Amino acid sequence: MKLYDRKLSWKIFCLIGQGRTLSHAAQECGIDLPYASRLISKLEDELGFFLVLHRPRPMKLSENGIKIFPFAEEFVAAQDRLENECREIGVNLQKIPKRSIRISLPINLNKEPLLEKLVNYERREGSGVTFEFSADMGLRALIERETDISVGFYRKEEPTLTCRQIAEYRFPLLASKKYLAEHPAPKKAQDLEKHVLLLRYKTSPAFSPILLKKSANKTSDPNTSIDLERLPHVLKGDGSYCRSMLLKDVGISVDLTLGVVAEEIQSGKLELVLPAWGRPDAPLCVYCRNSNSESPLYREVIDLISTEISKIVSEERALFDQLASRSLG
């Protein structure tokens, strides 16, 4: 028997004990007479004895029914008080405004898995938090309280901020198959002089104009490092611009993550270029203000962000290794 039906059965029993007819008890409970009769019969079947005398009209309590009637009244009254209190708590919880946490995430990051986790966190019962998302607001916005948590491909020491480094990110060189069909693919780094390179703005805190040969130790050797700003054909823009130009077959991207073009890579539209070369690995960090760093809520949210981004980075490293192996093969 459903819990709701059982409670209603006891309520009808108590109303009969208080002198109501079965018809009046059913009407007071908002149900029809046959259903009220069935509820009493089900309760009697469950207990194993009669609660009422079914022959006389109006219906009366049986001897056993009279014995338990005071306890039944207490039981029904306690359930009513319990339901009223729960309803009141629910109403009060709805009146409590949720705490808003504003999170800045890089444009140049595959955010979908992370956003899904954060939205699920927000929706869970009793979370008490709502998230607002923005793109590439930077540390200045965090310091000036325009955001509360900031993620970026850079590490900077700020006295009012707490930084947690999540991972080192390796940026690949990418080009479309169409671009490489129209421009001979570079075989060595010096061949990049003949190509259009797509680079982030210098104002980006994650900006780096240097390409390094990853297996080399001497970064000053021209055979192991290249200053991209000295090359003749460099186009600069934000992450969205670089992605757009890459997919329009304009040039070779230097600092896009694999995640933001994963679909195009899987479809075979894009290829890795010079897999042994790349800009210096970027520290991928999450920041918050010192005043929030010990907050259990902020620590839990930052732990979630760190865990999910670590997974994203691991998946993209595996994809890079797969592409590099294919390219070298």
C-alpha atoms as a PDB file:
ATOM      1  CA  MET A   1       0.000   0.000   0.000  1.00  0.00           C
ATOM      2  CA  LYS A   2       1.232   3.437  -0.810  1.00  0.00           C
ATOM      3  CA  LEU A   3       2.310   5.548   2.152  1.00  0.00           C
ATOM      4  CA  TYR A   4      -0.136   8.299   1.188  1.00  0.00           C
ATOM      5  CA  ASP A   5      -3.058   5.809   1.054  1.00  0.00           C
ATOM      6  CA  ARG A   6      -2.102   4.374   4.444  1.00  0.00           C
ATOM      7  CA  LYS A   7      -2.099   7.804   6.041  1.00  0.00           C
ATOM      8  CA  LEU A   8      -5.453   8.599   4.435  1.00  0.00           C
ATOM      9  CA  SER A   9      -6.834   5.288   5.741  1.00  0.00           C
ATOM     10  CA  TRP A  10      -5.947   6.252   9.310  1.00  0.00           C
ATOM     11  CA  LYS A  11      -7.457   9.690   8.837  1.00  0.00           C
ATOM     12  CA  ILE A  12     -10.776   8.190   7.710  1.00  0.00           C
ATOM     13  CA  PHE A  13     -10.647   5.810  10.680  1.00  0.00           C
ATOM     14  CA  CYS A  14     -10.132   8.749  13.068  1.00  0.00           C
ATOM     15  CA  LEU A  15     -12.998  10.743  11.523  1.00  0.00           C
ATOM     16  CA  ILE A  16     -15.332   7.747  12.032  1.00  0.00           C
ATOM     17  CA  GLY A  17     -14.097   7.543  15.625  1.00  0.00           C
ATOM     18  CA  GLN A  18     -14.957  11.237  16.030  1.00  0.00           C
ATOM     19  CA  GLY A  19     -18.549  10.532  14.999  1.00  0.00           C
ATOM     20  CA  ARG A  20     -18.540  11.206  11.257  1.00  0.00           C
ATOM     21  CA  THR A  21     -20.304   8.874   8.910  1.00  0.00           C
ATOM     22  CA  LEU A  22     -18.175   7.137   6.301  1.00  0.00           C
ATOM     23  CA  SER A  23     -19.799   9.351   3.676  1.00  0.00           C
ATOM     24  CA  HIS A  24     -18.918  12.544   5.578  1.00  0.00           C
ATOM     25  CA  ALA A  25     -15.383  11.271   6.247  1.00  0.00           C
ATOM     26  CA  ALA A  26     -14.888  10.575   2.533  1.00  0.00           C
ATOM     27  CA  GLN A  27     -16.234  14.026   1.631  1.00  0.00           C
ATOM     28  CA  GLU A  28     -13.921  15.709   4.152  1.00  0.00           C
ATOM     29  CA  CYS A  29     -10.924  13.862   2.680  1.00  0.00           C
ATOM     30  CA  GLY A  30     -11.915  14.759  -0.888  1.00  0.00           C
ATOM     31  CA  ILE A  31     -12.474  11.173  -2.068  1.00  0.00           C
ATOM     32  CA  ASP A  32     -15.525   9.183  -3.118  1.00  0.00           C
ATOM     33  CA  LEU A  33     -17.368   6.811  -0.780  1.00  0.00           C
ATOM     34  CA  PRO A  34     -16.356   3.485  -2.437  1.00  0.00           C
ATOM     35  CA  TYR A  35     -12.675   4.455  -2.292  1.00  0.00           C
ATOM     36  CA  ALA A  36     -12.988   5.385   1.405  1.00  0.00           C
ATOM     37  CA  SER A  37     -14.569   2.001   2.106  1.00  0.00           C
ATOM     38  CA  ARG A  38     -11.757   0.200   0.258  1.00  0.00           C
ATOM     39  CA  LEU A  39      -9.097   2.112   2.234  1.00  0.00           C
ATOM     40  CA  ILE A  40     -10.584   1.008   5.556  1.00  0.00           C
ATOM     41  CA  SER A  41     -10.801  -2.586   4.334  1.00  0.00           C
ATOM     42  CA  LYS A  42      -7.161  -2.532   3.153  1.00  0.00           C
ATOM     43  CA  LEU A  43      -6.010  -1.162   6.504  1.00  0.00           C
ATOM     44  CA  GLU A  44      -7.931  -3.919   8.321  1.00  0.00           C
ATOM     45  CA  ASP A  45      -6.378  -6.547   6.052  1.00  0.00           C
ATOM     46  CA  GLU A  46      -2.920  -5.152   6.848  1.00  0.00           C
ATOM     47  CA  LEU A  47      -3.543  -5.156  10.614  1.00  0.00           C
ATOM     48  CA  GLY A  48      -5.362  -8.490  10.773  1.00  0.00           C
ATOM     49  CA  PHE A  49      -8.408  -7.308  12.748  1.00  0.00           C
ATOM     50  CA  PHE A  50     -11.512  -5.196  12.247  1.00  0.00           C
ATOM     51  CA  LEU A  51     -11.305  -1.501  13.046  1.00  0.00           C
ATOM     52  CA  VAL A  52     -15.005  -0.769  12.545  1.00  0.00           C
ATOM     53  CA  LEU A  53     -18.351  -2.558  12.809  1.00  0.00           C
ATOM     54  CA  HIS A  54     -19.556  -2.658   9.234  1.00  0.00           C
ATOM     55  CA  ARG A  55     -23.169  -3.685   9.943  1.00  0.00           C
ATOM     56  CA  PRO A  56     -24.572  -0.758  11.937  1.00  0.00           C
ATOM     57  CA  ARG A  57     -25.314   2.531  10.205  1.00  0.00           C
ATOM     58  CA  PRO A  58     -23.706   4.922  10.876  1.00  0.00           C
ATOM     59  CA  MET A  59     -20.480   2.907  11.070  1.00  0.00           C
ATOM     60  CA  LYS A  60     -19.008   2.489  14.589  1.00  0.00           C
ATOM     61  CA  LEU A  61     -15.546   1.551  15.867  1.00  0.00           C
ATOM     62  CA  SER A  62     -14.965  -2.055  16.878  1.00  0.00           C
ATOM     63  CA  GLU A  63     -13.667  -2.947  20.329  1.00  0.00           C
ATOM     64  CA  ASN A  64     -10.109  -3.112  19.006  1.00  0.00           C
ATOM     65  CA  GLY A  65     -10.679   0.096  17.068  1.00  0.00           C
ATOM     66  CA  ILE A  66     -11.690   1.886  20.268  1.00  0.00           C
ATOM     67  CA  LYS A  67      -8.469   0.652  21.965  1.00  0.00           C
ATOM     68  CA  ILE A  68      -6.176   2.101  19.300  1.00  0.00           C
ATOM     69  CA  PHE A  69      -8.201   5.202  18.470  1.00  0.00           C
ATOM     70  CA  PRO A  70      -6.200   7.616  20.745  1.00  0.00           C
ATOM     71  CA  PHE A  71      -2.917   6.419  19.238  1.00  0.00           C
ATOM     72  CA  ALA A  72      -4.302   6.739  15.723  1.00  0.00           C
ATOM     73  CA  GLU A  73      -5.298  10.344  16.441  1.00  0.00           C
ATOM     74  CA  GLU A  74      -1.776  11.095  17.662  1.00  0.00           C
ATOM     75  CA  PHE A  75      -0.340   9.397  14.569  1.00  0.00           C
ATOM     76  CA  VAL A  76      -2.480  11.403  12.121  1.00  0.00           C
ATOM     77  CA  ALA A  77      -1.852  14.680  13.979  1.00  0.00           C
ATOM     78  CA  ALA A  78       1.913  14.035  14.029  1.00  0.00           C
ATOM     79  CA  GLN A  79       1.934  13.339  10.282  1.00  0.00           C
ATOM     80  CA  ASP A  80       0.015  16.560   9.650  1.00  0.00           C
ATOM     81  CA  ARG A  81       2.503  18.514  11.757  1.00  0.00           C
ATOM     82  CA  LEU A  82       5.407  16.834   9.922  1.00  0.00           C
ATOM     83  CA  GLU A  83       3.996  17.707   6.490  1.00  0.00           C
ATOM     84  CA  ASN A  84       3.274  21.294   7.508  1.00  0.00           C
ATOM     85  CA  GLU A  85       6.788  21.742   8.868  1.00  0.00           C
ATOM     86  CA  CYS A  86       8.334  20.293   5.695  1.00  0.00           C
ATOM     87  CA  ARG A  87       6.232  22.606   3.551  1.00  0.00           C
ATOM     88  CA  GLU A  88       7.320  25.585   5.637  1.00  0.00           C
ATOM     89  CA  ILE A  89      10.979  24.607   5.300  1.00  0.00           C
ATOM     90  CA  GLY A  90      10.536  24.287   1.546  1.00  0.00           C
ATOM     91  CA  VAL A  91       8.966  27.739   1.308  1.00  0.00           C
ATOM     92  CA  ASN A  92      11.771  29.263   3.379  1.00  0.00           C
ATOM     93  CA  LEU A  93      14.453  27.587   1.265  1.00  0.00           C
ATOM     94  CA  GLN A  94      12.910  29.106  -1.847  1.00  0.00           C
ATOM     95  CA  LYS A  95      13.183  32.526  -0.216  1.00  0.00           C
ATOM     96  CA  ILE A  96      16.934  32.130   0.397  1.00  0.00           C
ATOM     97  CA  PRO A  97      18.817  33.590  -2.588  1.00  0.00           C
ATOM     98  CA  LYS A  98      21.421  31.283  -4.067  1.00  0.00           C
ATOM     99  CA  ARG A  99      25.026  32.398  -3.908  1.00  0.00           C
ATOM    100  CA  SER A 100      26.326  33.398  -7.320  1.00  0.00           C
ATOM    101  CA  ILE A 101      29.850  32.451  -8.416  1.00  0.00           C
ATOM    102  CA  ARG A 102      31.090  34.151 -11.593  1.00  0.00           C
ATOM    103  CA  ILE A 103      33.583  32.032 -13.515  1.00  0.00           C
ATOM    104  CA  SER A 104      35.806  33.233 -16.355  1.00  0.00           C
ATOM    105  CA  LEU A 105      36.947  30.496 -18.740  1.00  0.00           C
ATOM    106  CA  PRO A 106      39.321  30.728 -21.718  1.00  0.00           C
ATOM    107  CA  ILE A 107      37.810  30.932 -25.186  1.00  0.00           C
ATOM    108  CA  ASN A 108      40.648  28.619 -26.219  1.00  0.00           C
ATOM    109  CA  LEU A 109      39.408  25.667 -24.143  1.00  0.00           C
ATOM    110  CA  ASN A 110      37.034  22.801 -24.805  1.00  0.00           C
ATOM    111  CA  LYS A 111      34.543  23.822 -22.121  1.00  0.00           C
ATOM    112  CA  GLU A 112      31.606  21.504 -22.777  1.00  0.00           C
ATOM    113  CA  PRO A 113      32.545  18.680 -20.344  1.00  0.00           C
ATOM    114  CA  LEU A 114      33.358  21.204 -17.606  1.00  0.00           C
ATOM    115  CA  LEU A 115      30.181  23.242 -18.131  1.00  0.00           C
ATOM    116  CA  GLU A 116      28.097  20.069 -17.954  1.00  0.00           C
ATOM    117  CA  LYS A 117      29.641  19.165 -14.585  1.00  0.00           C
ATOM    118  CA  LEU A 118      29.151  22.679 -13.206  1.00  0.00           C
ATOM    119  CA  VAL A 119      25.526  22.830 -14.333  1.00  0.00           C
ATOM    120  CA  ASN A 120      24.868  19.445 -12.684  1.00  0.00           C
ATOM    121  CA  TYR A 121      26.539  20.726  -9.507  1.00  0.00           C
ATOM    122  CA  GLU A 122      24.313  23.815  -9.562  1.00  0.00           C
ATOM    123  CA  ARG A 123      21.158  21.750 -10.028  1.00  0.00           C
ATOM    124  CA  ARG A 124      21.833  19.259  -7.265  1.00  0.00           C
ATOM    125  CA  GLU A 125      19.550  19.562  -4.261  1.00  0.00           C
ATOM    126  CA  GLY A 126      20.818  21.976  -1.621  1.00  0.00           C
ATOM    127  CA  SER A 127      23.741  23.268  -3.676  1.00  0.00           C
ATOM    128  CA  GLY A 128      22.888  26.860  -2.737  1.00  0.00           C
ATOM    129  CA  VAL A 129      24.907  28.185  -5.665  1.00  0.00           C
ATOM    130  CA  THR A 130      24.350  29.444  -9.181  1.00  0.00           C
ATOM    131  CA  PHE A 131      27.111  29.936 -11.764  1.00  0.00           C
ATOM    132  CA  GLU A 132      27.605  32.752 -14.240  1.00  0.00           C
ATOM    133  CA  PHE A 133      30.108  32.221 -17.049  1.00  0.00           C
ATOM    134  CA  SER A 134      32.201  34.681 -19.040  1.00  0.00           C
ATOM    135  CA  ALA A 135      35.118  34.372 -21.464  1.00  0.00           C
ATOM    136  CA  ASP A 136      38.735  35.505 -20.993  1.00  0.00           C
ATOM    137  CA  MET A 137      38.033  38.211 -18.408  1.00  0.00           C
ATOM    138  CA  GLY A 138      41.547  37.847 -16.986  1.00  0.00           C
ATOM    139  CA  LEU A 139      43.015  38.485 -13.551  1.00  0.00           C
ATOM    140  CA  ARG A 140      42.253  42.207 -13.465  1.00  0.00           C
ATOM    141  CA  ALA A 141      38.521  41.434 -13.481  1.00  0.00           C
ATOM    142  CA  LEU A 142      39.082  38.954 -10.648  1.00  0.00           C
ATOM    143  CA  ILE A 143      41.009  41.488  -8.572  1.00  0.00           C
ATOM    144  CA  GLU A 144      38.332  44.130  -9.181  1.00  0.00           C
ATOM    145  CA  ARG A 145      35.581  41.673  -8.161  1.00  0.00           C
ATOM    146  CA  GLU A 146      33.976  41.436 -11.580  1.00  0.00           C
ATOM    147  CA  THR A 147      34.548  37.661 -11.478  1.00  0.00           C
ATOM    148  CA  ASP A 148      35.096  35.178  -8.628  1.00  0.00           C
ATOM    149  CA  ILE A 149      37.071  32.352 -10.269  1.00  0.00           C
ATOM    150  CA  SER A 150      39.294  32.665 -13.330  1.00  0.00           C
ATOM    151  CA  VAL A 151      40.953  29.988 -15.465  1.00  0.00           C
ATOM    152  CA  GLY A 152      43.788  30.813 -17.851  1.00  0.00           C
ATOM    153  CA  PHE A 153      46.789  29.436 -19.750  1.00  0.00           C
ATOM    154  CA  TYR A 154      49.273  31.442 -17.671  1.00  0.00           C
ATOM    155  CA  ARG A 155      50.700  31.700 -14.178  1.00  0.00           C
ATOM    156  CA  LYS A 156      51.110  35.102 -12.556  1.00  0.00           C
ATOM    157  CA  GLU A 157      51.819  35.972  -8.962  1.00  0.00           C
ATOM    158  CA  GLU A 158      49.306  38.453  -7.553  1.00  0.00           C
ATOM    159  CA  PRO A 159      49.372  39.279  -3.818  1.00  0.00           C
ATOM    160  CA  THR A 160      45.552  39.262  -3.484  1.00  0.00           C
ATOM    161  CA  LEU A 161      44.991  36.062  -5.486  1.00  0.00           C
ATOM    162  CA  THR A 162      45.465  32.353  -4.849  1.00  0.00           C
ATOM    163  CA  CYS A 163      46.637  30.274  -7.801  1.00  0.00           C
ATOM    164  CA  ARG A 164      46.407  26.526  -8.354  1.00  0.00           C
ATOM    165  CA  GLN A 165      48.218  25.088 -11.366  1.00  0.00           C
ATOM    166  CA  ILE A 166      46.223  22.292 -12.962  1.00  0.00           C
ATOM    167  CA  ALA A 167      48.447  21.168 -15.816  1.00  0.00           C
ATOM    168  CA  GLU A 168      51.033  22.100 -18.449  1.00  0.00           C
ATOM    169  CA  TYR A 169      49.369  22.425 -21.821  1.00  0.00           C
ATOM    170  CA  ARG A 170      51.187  21.676 -25.074  1.00  0.00           C
ATOM    171  CA  PHE A 171      49.893  23.692 -28.029  1.00  0.00           C
ATOM    172  CA  PRO A 172      50.188  22.025 -31.447  1.00  0.00           C
ATOM    173  CA  LEU A 173      50.691  23.573 -34.868  1.00  0.00           C
ATOM    174  CA  LEU A 174      47.610  22.886 -36.970  1.00  0.00           C
ATOM    175  CA  ALA A 175      46.594  23.457 -40.582  1.00  0.00           C
ATOM    176  CA  SER A 176      43.715  22.397 -42.764  1.00  0.00           C
ATOM    177  CA  LYS A 177      44.209  19.755 -45.440  1.00  0.00           C
ATOM    178  CA  LYS A 178      43.075  22.276 -48.026  1.00  0.00           C
ATOM    179  CA  TYR A 179      45.692  24.817 -46.914  1.00  0.00           C
ATOM    180  CA  LEU A 180      48.436  22.184 -47.039  1.00  0.00           C
ATOM    181  CA  ALA A 181      47.291  21.080 -50.472  1.00  0.00           C
ATOM    182  CA  GLU A 182      47.747  24.645 -51.751  1.00  0.00           C
ATOM    183  CA  HIS A 183      50.954  25.359 -49.801  1.00  0.00           C
ATOM    184  CA  PRO A 184      53.693  22.733 -49.477  1.00  0.00           C
ATOM    185  CA  ALA A 185      53.679  21.386 -45.924  1.00  0.00           C
ATOM    186  CA  PRO A 186      56.701  22.583 -43.918  1.00  0.00           C
ATOM    187  CA  LYS A 187      59.303  19.868 -43.446  1.00  0.00           C
ATOM    188  CA  LYS A 188      61.437  21.884 -41.018  1.00  0.00           C
ATOM    189  CA  ALA A 189      60.776  24.907 -38.820  1.00  0.00           C
ATOM    190  CA  GLN A 190      62.582  27.301 -41.161  1.00  0.00           C
ATOM    191  CA  ASP A 191      59.948  26.508 -43.816  1.00  0.00           C
ATOM    192  CA  LEU A 192      57.417  28.414 -41.722  1.00  0.00           C
ATOM    193  CA  GLU A 193      58.777  31.624 -43.263  1.00  0.00           C
ATOM    194  CA  LYS A 194      56.837  30.700 -46.406  1.00  0.00           C
ATOM    195  CA  HIS A 195      53.537  30.270 -44.548  1.00  0.00           C
ATOM    196  CA  VAL A 196      50.849  32.401 -42.937  1.00  0.00           C
ATOM    197  CA  LEU A 197      50.911  31.908 -39.178  1.00  0.00           C
ATOM    198  CA  LEU A 198      47.899  32.544 -36.920  1.00  0.00           C
ATOM    199  CA  LEU A 199      48.904  33.913 -33.530  1.00  0.00           C
ATOM    200  CA  ARG A 200      47.089  35.276 -30.483  1.00  0.00           C
ATOM    201  CA  TYR A 201      47.250  38.991 -29.724  1.00  0.00           C
ATOM    202  CA  LYS A 202      50.314  40.143 -27.813  1.00  0.00           C
ATOM    203  CA  THR A 203      47.976  41.595 -25.167  1.00  0.00           C
ATOM    204  CA  SER A 204      46.808  38.075 -24.281  1.00  0.00           C
ATOM    205  CA  PRO A 205      48.413  36.974 -20.988  1.00  0.00           C
ATOM    206  CA  ALA A 206      48.977  33.581 -22.610  1.00  0.00           C
ATOM    207  CA  PHE A 207      50.889  35.142 -25.531  1.00  0.00           C
ATOM    208  CA  SER A 208      54.184  33.565 -26.560  1.00  0.00           C
ATOM    209  CA  PRO A 209      56.007  34.387 -29.826  1.00  0.00           C
ATOM    210  CA  ILE A 210      58.546  31.574 -29.486  1.00  0.00           C
ATOM    211  CA  LEU A 211      58.462  28.150 -31.070  1.00  0.00           C
ATOM    212  CA  LEU A 212      60.662  25.469 -29.547  1.00  0.00           C
ATOM    213  CA  LYS A 213      61.836  22.098 -30.707  1.00  0.00           C
ATOM    214  CA  LYS A 214      60.494  20.019 -27.865  1.00  0.00           C
ATOM    215  CA  SER A 215      63.339  17.528 -27.750  1.00  0.00           C
ATOM    216  CA  ALA A 216      65.987  20.257 -27.589  1.00  0.00           C
ATOM    217  CA  ASN A 217      67.618  21.805 -24.535  1.00  0.00           C
ATOM    218  CA  LYS A 218      69.231  24.892 -26.145  1.00  0.00           C
ATOM    219  CA  THR A 219      66.459  27.393 -26.766  1.00  0.00           C
ATOM    220  CA  SER A 220      68.862  30.060 -28.067  1.00  0.00           C
ATOM    221  CA  ASP A 221      70.002  27.906 -30.984  1.00  0.00           C
ATOM    222  CA  PRO A 222      68.205  28.948 -34.209  1.00  0.00           C
ATOM    223  CA  ASN A 223      67.826  25.267 -34.987  1.00  0.00           C
ATOM    224  CA  THR A 224      65.865  24.696 -31.774  1.00  0.00           C
ATOM    225  CA  SER A 225      63.852  27.933 -31.399  1.00  0.00           C
ATOM    226  CA  ILE A 226      62.148  30.462 -33.652  1.00  0.00           C
ATOM    227  CA  ASP A 227      60.839  33.969 -32.939  1.00  0.00           C
ATOM    228  CA  LEU A 228      57.495  34.029 -34.737  1.00  0.00           C
ATOM    229  CA  GLU A 229      57.265  37.829 -34.700  1.00  0.00           C
ATOM    230  CA  ARG A 230      60.268  37.990 -37.017  1.00  0.00           C
ATOM    231  CA  LEU A 231      58.533  35.918 -39.660  1.00  0.00           C
ATOM    232  CA  PRO A 232      56.999  37.821 -42.589  1.00  0.00           C
ATOM    233  CA  HIS A 233      53.443  36.462 -42.603  1.00  0.00           C
ATOM    234  CA  VAL A 234      51.839  36.580 -39.163  1.00  0.00           C
ATOM    235  CA  LEU A 235      48.147  37.312 -38.533  1.00  0.00           C
ATOM    236  CA  LYS A 236      47.091  38.108 -34.966  1.00  0.00           C
ATOM    237  CA  GLY A 237      43.731  37.963 -33.253  1.00  0.00           C
ATOM    238  CA  ASP A 238      41.892  36.416 -30.331  1.00  0.00           C
ATOM    239  CA  GLY A 239      41.172  32.704 -30.026  1.00  0.00           C
ATOM    240  CA  SER A 240      37.939  32.934 -32.007  1.00  0.00           C
ATOM    241  CA  TYR A 241      39.698  34.763 -34.844  1.00  0.00           C
ATOM    242  CA  CYS A 242      42.546  32.232 -35.009  1.00  0.00           C
ATOM    243  CA  ARG A 243      40.083  29.334 -35.083  1.00  0.00           C
ATOM    244  CA  SER A 244      38.005  30.999 -37.785  1.00  0.00           C
ATOM    245  CA  MET A 245      41.045  31.679 -39.994  1.00  0.00           C
ATOM    246  CA  LEU A 246      42.308  28.134 -39.485  1.00  0.00           C
ATOM    247  CA  LEU A 247      38.994  26.658 -40.623  1.00  0.00           C
ATOM    248  CA  LYS A 248      38.893  29.058 -43.578  1.00  0.00           C
ATOM    249  CA  ASP A 249      42.193  27.559 -44.785  1.00  0.00           C
ATOM    250  CA  VAL A 250      44.111  30.822 -44.272  1.00  0.00           C
ATOM    251  CA  GLY A 251      47.185  29.577 -42.406  1.00  0.00           C
ATOM    252  CA  ILE A 252      48.812  27.535 -39.643  1.00  0.00           C
ATOM    253  CA  SER A 253      47.615  28.046 -36.082  1.00  0.00           C
ATOM    254  CA  VAL A 254      50.216  28.169 -33.331  1.00  0.00           C
ATOM    255  CA  ASP A 255      48.309  28.393 -30.059  1.00  0.00           C
ATOM    256  CA  LEU A 256      44.880  26.828 -30.458  1.00  0.00           C
ATOM    257  CA  THR A 257      44.015  23.887 -28.230  1.00  0.00           C
ATOM    258  CA  LEU A 258      43.061  20.590 -29.810  1.00  0.00           C
ATOM    259  CA  GLY A 259      39.768  20.613 -27.949  1.00  0.00           C
ATOM    260  CA  VAL A 260      38.322  23.650 -29.723  1.00  0.00           C
ATOM    261  CA  VAL A 261      38.819  21.958 -33.111  1.00  0.00           C
ATOM    262  CA  ALA A 262      38.377  18.321 -32.045  1.00  0.00           C
ATOM    263  CA  GLU A 263      35.408  17.779 -34.338  1.00  0.00           C
ATOM    264  CA  GLU A 264      37.329  19.077 -37.349  1.00  0.00           C
ATOM    265  CA  ILE A 265      40.316  16.893 -36.454  1.00  0.00           C
ATOM    266  CA  GLN A 266      38.177  13.779 -36.130  1.00  0.00           C
ATOM    267  CA  SER A 267      36.535  14.509 -39.481  1.00  0.00           C
ATOM    268  CA  GLY A 268      39.982  14.729 -41.111  1.00  0.00           C
ATOM    269  CA  LYS A 269      39.710  18.420 -42.008  1.00  0.00           C
ATOM    270  CA  LEU A 270      42.757  19.422 -39.912  1.00  0.00           C
ATOM    271  CA  GLU A 271      46.239  17.971 -39.566  1.00  0.00           C
ATOM    272  CA  LEU A 272      49.185  18.354 -37.237  1.00  0.00           C
ATOM    273  CA  VAL A 273      52.160  20.307 -38.608  1.00  0.00           C
ATOM    274  CA  LEU A 274      55.757  19.825 -37.398  1.00  0.00           C
ATOM    275  CA  PRO A 275      54.746  17.780 -34.320  1.00  0.00           C
ATOM    276  CA  ALA A 276      58.224  18.096 -32.797  1.00  0.00           C
ATOM    277  CA  TRP A 277      57.736  21.877 -32.585  1.00  0.00           C
ATOM    278  CA  GLY A 278      55.460  24.080 -30.557  1.00  0.00           C
ATOM    279  CA  ARG A 279      55.273  27.153 -28.388  1.00  0.00           C
ATOM    280  CA  PRO A 280      56.422  26.721 -24.764  1.00  0.00           C
ATOM    281  CA  ASP A 281      54.011  24.634 -22.731  1.00  0.00           C
ATOM    282  CA  ALA A 282      51.533  26.905 -20.970  1.00  0.00           C
ATOM    283  CA  PRO A 283      50.685  26.526 -17.269  1.00  0.00           C
ATOM    284  CA  LEU A 284      46.919  26.032 -17.058  1.00  0.00           C
ATOM    285  CA  CYS A 285      45.844  27.615 -13.766  1.00  0.00           C
ATOM    286  CA  VAL A 286      42.722  28.438 -11.780  1.00  0.00           C
ATOM    287  CA  TYR A 287      42.610  31.572  -9.600  1.00  0.00           C
ATOM    288  CA  CYS A 288      40.395  32.991  -6.882  1.00  0.00           C
ATOM    289  CA  ARG A 289      40.727  35.837  -4.399  1.00  0.00           C
ATOM    290  CA  ASN A 290      42.589  35.050  -1.174  1.00  0.00           C
ATOM    291  CA  SER A 291      39.438  35.894   0.790  1.00  0.00           C
ATOM    292  CA  ASN A 292      37.622  32.968  -0.859  1.00  0.00           C
ATOM    293  CA  SER A 293      40.457  30.455  -0.953  1.00  0.00           C
ATOM    294  CA  GLU A 294      39.528  28.807   2.365  1.00  0.00           C
ATOM    295  CA  SER A 295      35.771  28.774   1.693  1.00  0.00           C
ATOM    296  CA  PRO A 296      34.507  25.143   1.617  1.00  0.00           C
ATOM    297  CA  LEU A 297      32.205  26.052  -1.278  1.00  0.00           C
ATOM    298  CA  TYR A 298      34.981  27.638  -3.355  1.00  0.00           C
ATOM    299  CA  ARG A 299      37.366  24.809  -2.597  1.00  0.00           C
ATOM    300  CA  GLU A 300      34.791  22.260  -3.731  1.00  0.00           C
ATOM    301  CA  VAL A 301      34.064  24.175  -6.941  1.00  0.00           C
ATOM    302  CA  ILE A 302      37.775  24.671  -7.698  1.00  0.00           C
ATOM    303  CA  ASP A 303      38.398  20.972  -7.033  1.00  0.00           C
ATOM    304  CA  LEU A 304      35.671  20.140  -9.532  1.00  0.00           C
ATOM    305  CA  ILE A 305      37.128  22.546 -12.117  1.00  0.00           C
ATOM    306  CA  SER A 306      40.649  21.163 -11.590  1.00  0.00           C
ATOM    307  CA  THR A 307      39.518  17.544 -11.903  1.00  0.00           C
ATOM    308  CA  GLU A 308      37.525  18.113 -15.078  1.00  0.00           C
ATOM    309  CA  ILE A 309      40.199  20.226 -16.774  1.00  0.00           C
ATOM    310  CA  SER A 310      42.828  17.607 -15.899  1.00  0.00           C
ATOM    311  CA  LYS A 311      40.675  15.046 -17.706  1.00  0.00           C
ATOM    312  CA  ILE A 312      40.329  17.354 -20.721  1.00  0.00           C
ATOM    313  CA  VAL A 313      44.102  17.905 -20.874  1.00  0.00           C
ATOM    314  CA  SER A 314      44.795  14.162 -20.597  1.00  0.00           C
ATOM    315  CA  GLU A 315      42.383  13.398 -23.428  1.00  0.00           C
ATOM    316  CA  GLU A 316      43.939  16.076 -25.639  1.00  0.00           C
ATOM    317  CA  ARG A 317      47.458  14.802 -24.899  1.00  0.00           C
ATOM    318  CA  ALA A 318      46.348  11.363 -26.038  1.00  0.00           C
ATOM    319  CA  LEU A 319      44.857  12.893 -29.182  1.00  0.00           C
ATOM    320  CA  PHE A 320      48.106  14.810 -29.829  1.00  0.00           C
ATOM    321  CA  ASP A 321      50.174  11.617 -29.487  1.00  0.00           C
ATOM    322  CA  GLN A 322      47.836   9.849 -31.882  1.00  0.00           C
ATOM    323  CA  LEU A 323      48.091  12.655 -34.464  1.00  0.00           C
ATOM    324  CA  ALA A 324      51.874  12.947 -34.046  1.00  0.00           C
ATOM    325  CA  SER A 325      52.319   9.227 -34.554  1.00  0.00           C
ATOM    326  CA  ARG A 326      50.194   9.382 -37.687  1.00  0.00           C
ATOM    327  CA  SER A 327      52.127  12.408 -38.968  1.00  0.00           C
ATOM    328  CA  LEU A 328      55.544  10.877 -38.349  1.00  0.00           C
ATOM    329  CA  GLY A 329      54.431   7.570 -39.770  1.00  0.00           C
END
